[in-house]
Amino acid sequence: MGNLLYIIAVILIIGWLVGFIGYSAGGLIHILLVIAVIAIILRVIQGKQPI
């Protein structure tokens, strides 16, 4: 489950970067970034390496 959260976080960060450069999805991309950061923070709190 933790590995899945990390994969989702990476995908969301990549999506945010693409959206930030393209500026096509507006606020949705920033919401995805927040979700990705929360997933990474959860992994750190659980005591697992973020990378």
PDB file of N, CA and C in Angstrom:
ATOM      1  N   MET A   1       0.824  -1.198   0.000  1.00  0.00           N
ATOM      2  CA  MET A   1       0.000   0.000   0.000  1.00  0.00           C
ATOM      3  C   MET A   1       0.864   1.256   0.000  1.00  0.00           C
ATOM      4  N   GLY A   2       1.948   1.235   0.774  1.00  0.00           N
ATOM      5  CA  GLY A   2       2.838   2.388   0.822  1.00  0.00           C
ATOM      6  C   GLY A   2       3.528   2.635  -0.502  1.00  0.00           C
ATOM      7  N   ASN A   3       3.914   1.551  -1.184  1.00  0.00           N
ATOM      8  CA  ASN A   3       4.554   1.685  -2.485  1.00  0.00           C
ATOM      9  C   ASN A   3       3.581   2.299  -3.488  1.00  0.00           C
ATOM     10  N   LEU A   4       2.320   1.914  -3.389  1.00  0.00           N
ATOM     11  CA  LEU A   4       1.298   2.458  -4.280  1.00  0.00           C
ATOM     12  C   LEU A   4       1.139   3.961  -4.046  1.00  0.00           C
ATOM     13  N   LEU A   5       1.178   4.394  -2.785  1.00  0.00           N
ATOM     14  CA  LEU A   5       1.078   5.822  -2.481  1.00  0.00           C
ATOM     15  C   LEU A   5       2.249   6.585  -3.086  1.00  0.00           C
ATOM     16  N   TYR A   6       3.430   5.995  -3.035  1.00  0.00           N
ATOM     17  CA  TYR A   6       4.608   6.654  -3.597  1.00  0.00           C
ATOM     18  C   TYR A   6       4.478   6.792  -5.115  1.00  0.00           C
ATOM     19  N   ILE A   7       4.004   5.737  -5.771  1.00  0.00           N
ATOM     20  CA  ILE A   7       3.821   5.771  -7.226  1.00  0.00           C
ATOM     21  C   ILE A   7       2.795   6.835  -7.603  1.00  0.00           C
ATOM     22  N   ILE A   8       1.698   6.890  -6.858  1.00  0.00           N
ATOM     23  CA  ILE A   8       0.667   7.892  -7.127  1.00  0.00           C
ATOM     24  C   ILE A   8       1.232   9.302  -6.923  1.00  0.00           C
ATOM     25  N   ALA A   9       2.027   9.479  -5.875  1.00  0.00           N
ATOM     26  CA  ALA A   9       2.619  10.792  -5.603  1.00  0.00           C
ATOM     27  C   ALA A   9       3.531  11.225  -6.745  1.00  0.00           C
ATOM     28  N   VAL A  10       4.342  10.314  -7.248  1.00  0.00           N
ATOM     29  CA  VAL A  10       5.252  10.645  -8.348  1.00  0.00           C
ATOM     30  C   VAL A  10       4.461  11.010  -9.601  1.00  0.00           C
ATOM     31  N   ILE A  11       3.416  10.236  -9.893  1.00  0.00           N
ATOM     32  CA  ILE A  11       2.582  10.518 -11.070  1.00  0.00           C
ATOM     33  C   ILE A  11       1.920  11.887 -10.933  1.00  0.00           C
ATOM     34  N   LEU A  12       1.438  12.200  -9.738  1.00  0.00           N
ATOM     35  CA  LEU A  12       0.784  13.493  -9.534  1.00  0.00           C
ATOM     36  C   LEU A  12       1.767  14.655  -9.648  1.00  0.00           C
ATOM     37  N   ILE A  13       2.978  14.468  -9.166  1.00  0.00           N
ATOM     38  CA  ILE A  13       3.981  15.532  -9.287  1.00  0.00           C
ATOM     39  C   ILE A  13       4.345  15.753 -10.746  1.00  0.00           C
ATOM     40  N   ILE A  14       4.498  14.675 -11.497  1.00  0.00           N
ATOM     41  CA  ILE A  14       4.791  14.815 -12.928  1.00  0.00           C
ATOM     42  C   ILE A  14       3.626  15.504 -13.638  1.00  0.00           C
ATOM     43  N   GLY A  15       2.403  15.118 -13.285  1.00  0.00           N
ATOM     44  CA  GLY A  15       1.227  15.763 -13.869  1.00  0.00           C
ATOM     45  C   GLY A  15       1.163  17.244 -13.536  1.00  0.00           C
ATOM     46  N   TRP A  16       1.550  17.586 -12.299  1.00  0.00           N
ATOM     47  CA  TRP A  16       1.552  18.988 -11.900  1.00  0.00           C
ATOM     48  C   TRP A  16       2.575  19.774 -12.709  1.00  0.00           C
ATOM     49  N   LEU A  17       3.767  19.195 -12.886  1.00  0.00           N
ATOM     50  CA  LEU A  17       4.797  19.890 -13.662  1.00  0.00           C
ATOM     51  C   LEU A  17       4.357  20.112 -15.105  1.00  0.00           C
ATOM     52  N   VAL A  18       3.750  19.098 -15.700  1.00  0.00           N
ATOM     53  CA  VAL A  18       3.260  19.231 -17.079  1.00  0.00           C
ATOM     54  C   VAL A  18       2.177  20.304 -17.143  1.00  0.00           C
ATOM     55  N   GLY A  19       1.265  20.287 -16.183  1.00  0.00           N
ATOM     56  CA  GLY A  19       0.197  21.275 -16.163  1.00  0.00           C
ATOM     57  C   GLY A  19       0.701  22.674 -15.871  1.00  0.00           C
ATOM     58  N   PHE A  20       1.727  22.773 -15.025  1.00  0.00           N
ATOM     59  CA  PHE A  20       2.280  24.082 -14.692  1.00  0.00           C
ATOM     60  C   PHE A  20       2.943  24.696 -15.911  1.00  0.00           C
ATOM     61  N   ILE A  21       3.610  23.863 -16.693  1.00  0.00           N
ATOM     62  CA  ILE A  21       4.259  24.353 -17.912  1.00  0.00           C
ATOM     63  C   ILE A  21       3.208  24.678 -18.971  1.00  0.00           C
ATOM     64  N   GLY A  22       2.240  23.783 -19.117  1.00  0.00           N
ATOM     65  CA  GLY A  22       1.208  23.974 -20.137  1.00  0.00           C
ATOM     66  C   GLY A  22       0.122  24.946 -19.715  1.00  0.00           C
ATOM     67  N   TYR A  23      -0.124  25.074 -18.417  1.00  0.00           N
ATOM     68  CA  TYR A  23      -1.130  25.978 -17.858  1.00  0.00           C
ATOM     69  C   TYR A  23      -2.503  25.760 -18.490  1.00  0.00           C
ATOM     70  N   SER A  24      -2.876  24.498 -18.680  1.00  0.00           N
ATOM     71  CA  SER A  24      -4.160  24.214 -19.313  1.00  0.00           C
ATOM     72  C   SER A  24      -5.236  23.804 -18.312  1.00  0.00           C
ATOM     73  N   ALA A  25      -4.842  23.204 -17.189  1.00  0.00           N
ATOM     74  CA  ALA A  25      -5.841  22.689 -16.257  1.00  0.00           C
ATOM     75  C   ALA A  25      -6.095  23.624 -15.077  1.00  0.00           C
ATOM     76  N   GLY A  26      -5.351  24.698 -14.946  1.00  0.00           N
ATOM     77  CA  GLY A  26      -5.601  25.688 -13.911  1.00  0.00           C
ATOM     78  C   GLY A  26      -5.431  25.155 -12.508  1.00  0.00           C
ATOM     79  N   GLY A  27      -6.430  25.382 -11.656  1.00  0.00           N
ATOM     80  CA  GLY A  27      -6.358  25.039 -10.242  1.00  0.00           C
ATOM     81  C   GLY A  27      -6.325  23.552  -9.960  1.00  0.00           C
ATOM     82  N   LEU A  28      -6.811  22.729 -10.875  1.00  0.00           N
ATOM     83  CA  LEU A  28      -6.834  21.283 -10.664  1.00  0.00           C
ATOM     84  C   LEU A  28      -5.436  20.729 -10.471  1.00  0.00           C
ATOM     85  N   ILE A  29      -4.475  21.248 -11.207  1.00  0.00           N
ATOM     86  CA  ILE A  29      -3.108  20.762 -11.114  1.00  0.00           C
ATOM     87  C   ILE A  29      -2.539  21.029  -9.721  1.00  0.00           C
ATOM     88  N   HIS A  30      -2.876  22.160  -9.141  1.00  0.00           N
ATOM     89  CA  HIS A  30      -2.363  22.489  -7.820  1.00  0.00           C
ATOM     90  C   HIS A  30      -2.989  21.598  -6.745  1.00  0.00           C
ATOM     91  N   ILE A  31      -4.226  21.213  -6.945  1.00  0.00           N
ATOM     92  CA  ILE A  31      -4.865  20.260  -6.029  1.00  0.00           C
ATOM     93  C   ILE A  31      -4.148  18.919  -6.103  1.00  0.00           C
ATOM     94  N   LEU A  32      -3.773  18.494  -7.301  1.00  0.00           N
ATOM     95  CA  LEU A  32      -3.040  17.235  -7.470  1.00  0.00           C
ATOM     96  C   LEU A  32      -1.679  17.316  -6.773  1.00  0.00           C
ATOM     97  N   LEU A  33      -1.034  18.465  -6.839  1.00  0.00           N
ATOM     98  CA  LEU A  33       0.248  18.636  -6.158  1.00  0.00           C
ATOM     99  C   LEU A  33       0.079  18.494  -4.647  1.00  0.00           C
ATOM    100  N   VAL A  34      -0.949  19.087  -4.100  1.00  0.00           N
ATOM    101  CA  VAL A  34      -1.197  18.995  -2.661  1.00  0.00           C
ATOM    102  C   VAL A  34      -1.422  17.542  -2.260  1.00  0.00           C
ATOM    103  N   ILE A  35      -2.168  16.798  -3.050  1.00  0.00           N
ATOM    104  CA  ILE A  35      -2.409  15.380  -2.758  1.00  0.00           C
ATOM    105  C   ILE A  35      -1.099  14.599  -2.801  1.00  0.00           C
ATOM    106  N   ALA A  36      -0.240  14.897  -3.769  1.00  0.00           N
ATOM    107  CA  ALA A  36       1.049  14.211  -3.875  1.00  0.00           C
ATOM    108  C   ALA A  36       1.926  14.508  -2.668  1.00  0.00           C
ATOM    109  N   VAL A  37       1.953  15.758  -2.236  1.00  0.00           N
ATOM    110  CA  VAL A  37       2.762  16.133  -1.071  1.00  0.00           C
ATOM    111  C   VAL A  37       2.233  15.435   0.179  1.00  0.00           C
ATOM    112  N   ILE A  38       0.922  15.359   0.331  1.00  0.00           N
ATOM    113  CA  ILE A  38       0.329  14.669   1.483  1.00  0.00           C
ATOM    114  C   ILE A  38       0.721  13.199   1.478  1.00  0.00           C
ATOM    115  N   ALA A  39       0.718  12.557   0.304  1.00  0.00           N
ATOM    116  CA  ALA A  39       1.094  11.149   0.217  1.00  0.00           C
ATOM    117  C   ALA A  39       2.554  10.952   0.643  1.00  0.00           C
ATOM    118  N   ILE A  40       3.434  11.856   0.242  1.00  0.00           N
ATOM    119  CA  ILE A  40       4.847  11.753   0.625  1.00  0.00           C
ATOM    120  C   ILE A  40       5.003  11.976   2.127  1.00  0.00           C
ATOM    121  N   ILE A  41       4.287  12.949   2.676  1.00  0.00           N
ATOM    122  CA  ILE A  41       4.351  13.207   4.119  1.00  0.00           C
ATOM    123  C   ILE A  41       3.862  11.998   4.905  1.00  0.00           C
ATOM    124  N   LEU A  42       2.816  11.340   4.431  1.00  0.00           N
ATOM    125  CA  LEU A  42       2.324  10.139   5.106  1.00  0.00           C
ATOM    126  C   LEU A  42       3.392   9.051   5.139  1.00  0.00           C
ATOM    127  N   ARG A  43       4.139   8.903   4.044  1.00  0.00           N
ATOM    128  CA  ARG A  43       5.211   7.898   4.024  1.00  0.00           C
ATOM    129  C   ARG A  43       6.302   8.246   5.021  1.00  0.00           C
ATOM    130  N   VAL A  44       6.639   9.522   5.135  1.00  0.00           N
ATOM    131  CA  VAL A  44       7.677   9.941   6.087  1.00  0.00           C
ATOM    132  C   VAL A  44       7.195   9.710   7.514  1.00  0.00           C
ATOM    133  N   ILE A  45       5.946  10.030   7.787  1.00  0.00           N
ATOM    134  CA  ILE A  45       5.393   9.827   9.133  1.00  0.00           C
ATOM    135  C   ILE A  45       5.377   8.354   9.504  1.00  0.00           C
ATOM    136  N   GLN A  46       5.102   7.495   8.515  1.00  0.00           N
ATOM    137  CA  GLN A  46       5.067   6.059   8.763  1.00  0.00           C
ATOM    138  C   GLN A  46       6.462   5.492   8.955  1.00  0.00           C
ATOM    139  N   GLY A  47       7.496   6.278   8.751  1.00  0.00           N
ATOM    140  CA  GLY A  47       8.865   5.845   8.967  1.00  0.00           C
ATOM    141  C   GLY A  47       9.525   5.212   7.759  1.00  0.00           C
ATOM    142  N   LYS A  48       8.956   5.398   6.591  1.00  0.00           N
ATOM    143  CA  LYS A  48       9.528   4.832   5.374  1.00  0.00           C
ATOM    144  C   LYS A  48      10.276   5.916   4.618  1.00  0.00           C
ATOM    145  N   GLN A  49      11.253   5.513   3.825  1.00  0.00           N
ATOM    146  CA  GLN A  49      12.014   6.462   3.035  1.00  0.00           C
ATOM    147  C   GLN A  49      11.146   7.001   1.908  1.00  0.00           C
ATOM    148  N   PRO A  50      11.146   8.316   1.657  1.00  0.00           N
ATOM    149  CA  PRO A  50      10.348   8.868   0.582  1.00  0.00           C
ATOM    150  C   PRO A  50      10.879   8.520  -0.799  1.00  0.00           C
ATOM    151  N   ILE A  51      12.162   8.113  -0.883  1.00  0.00           N
ATOM    152  CA  ILE A  51      12.739   7.753  -2.180  1.00  0.00           C
ATOM    153  C   ILE A  51      13.267   6.332  -2.094  1.00  0.00           C
TER     154      ILE A  51
END
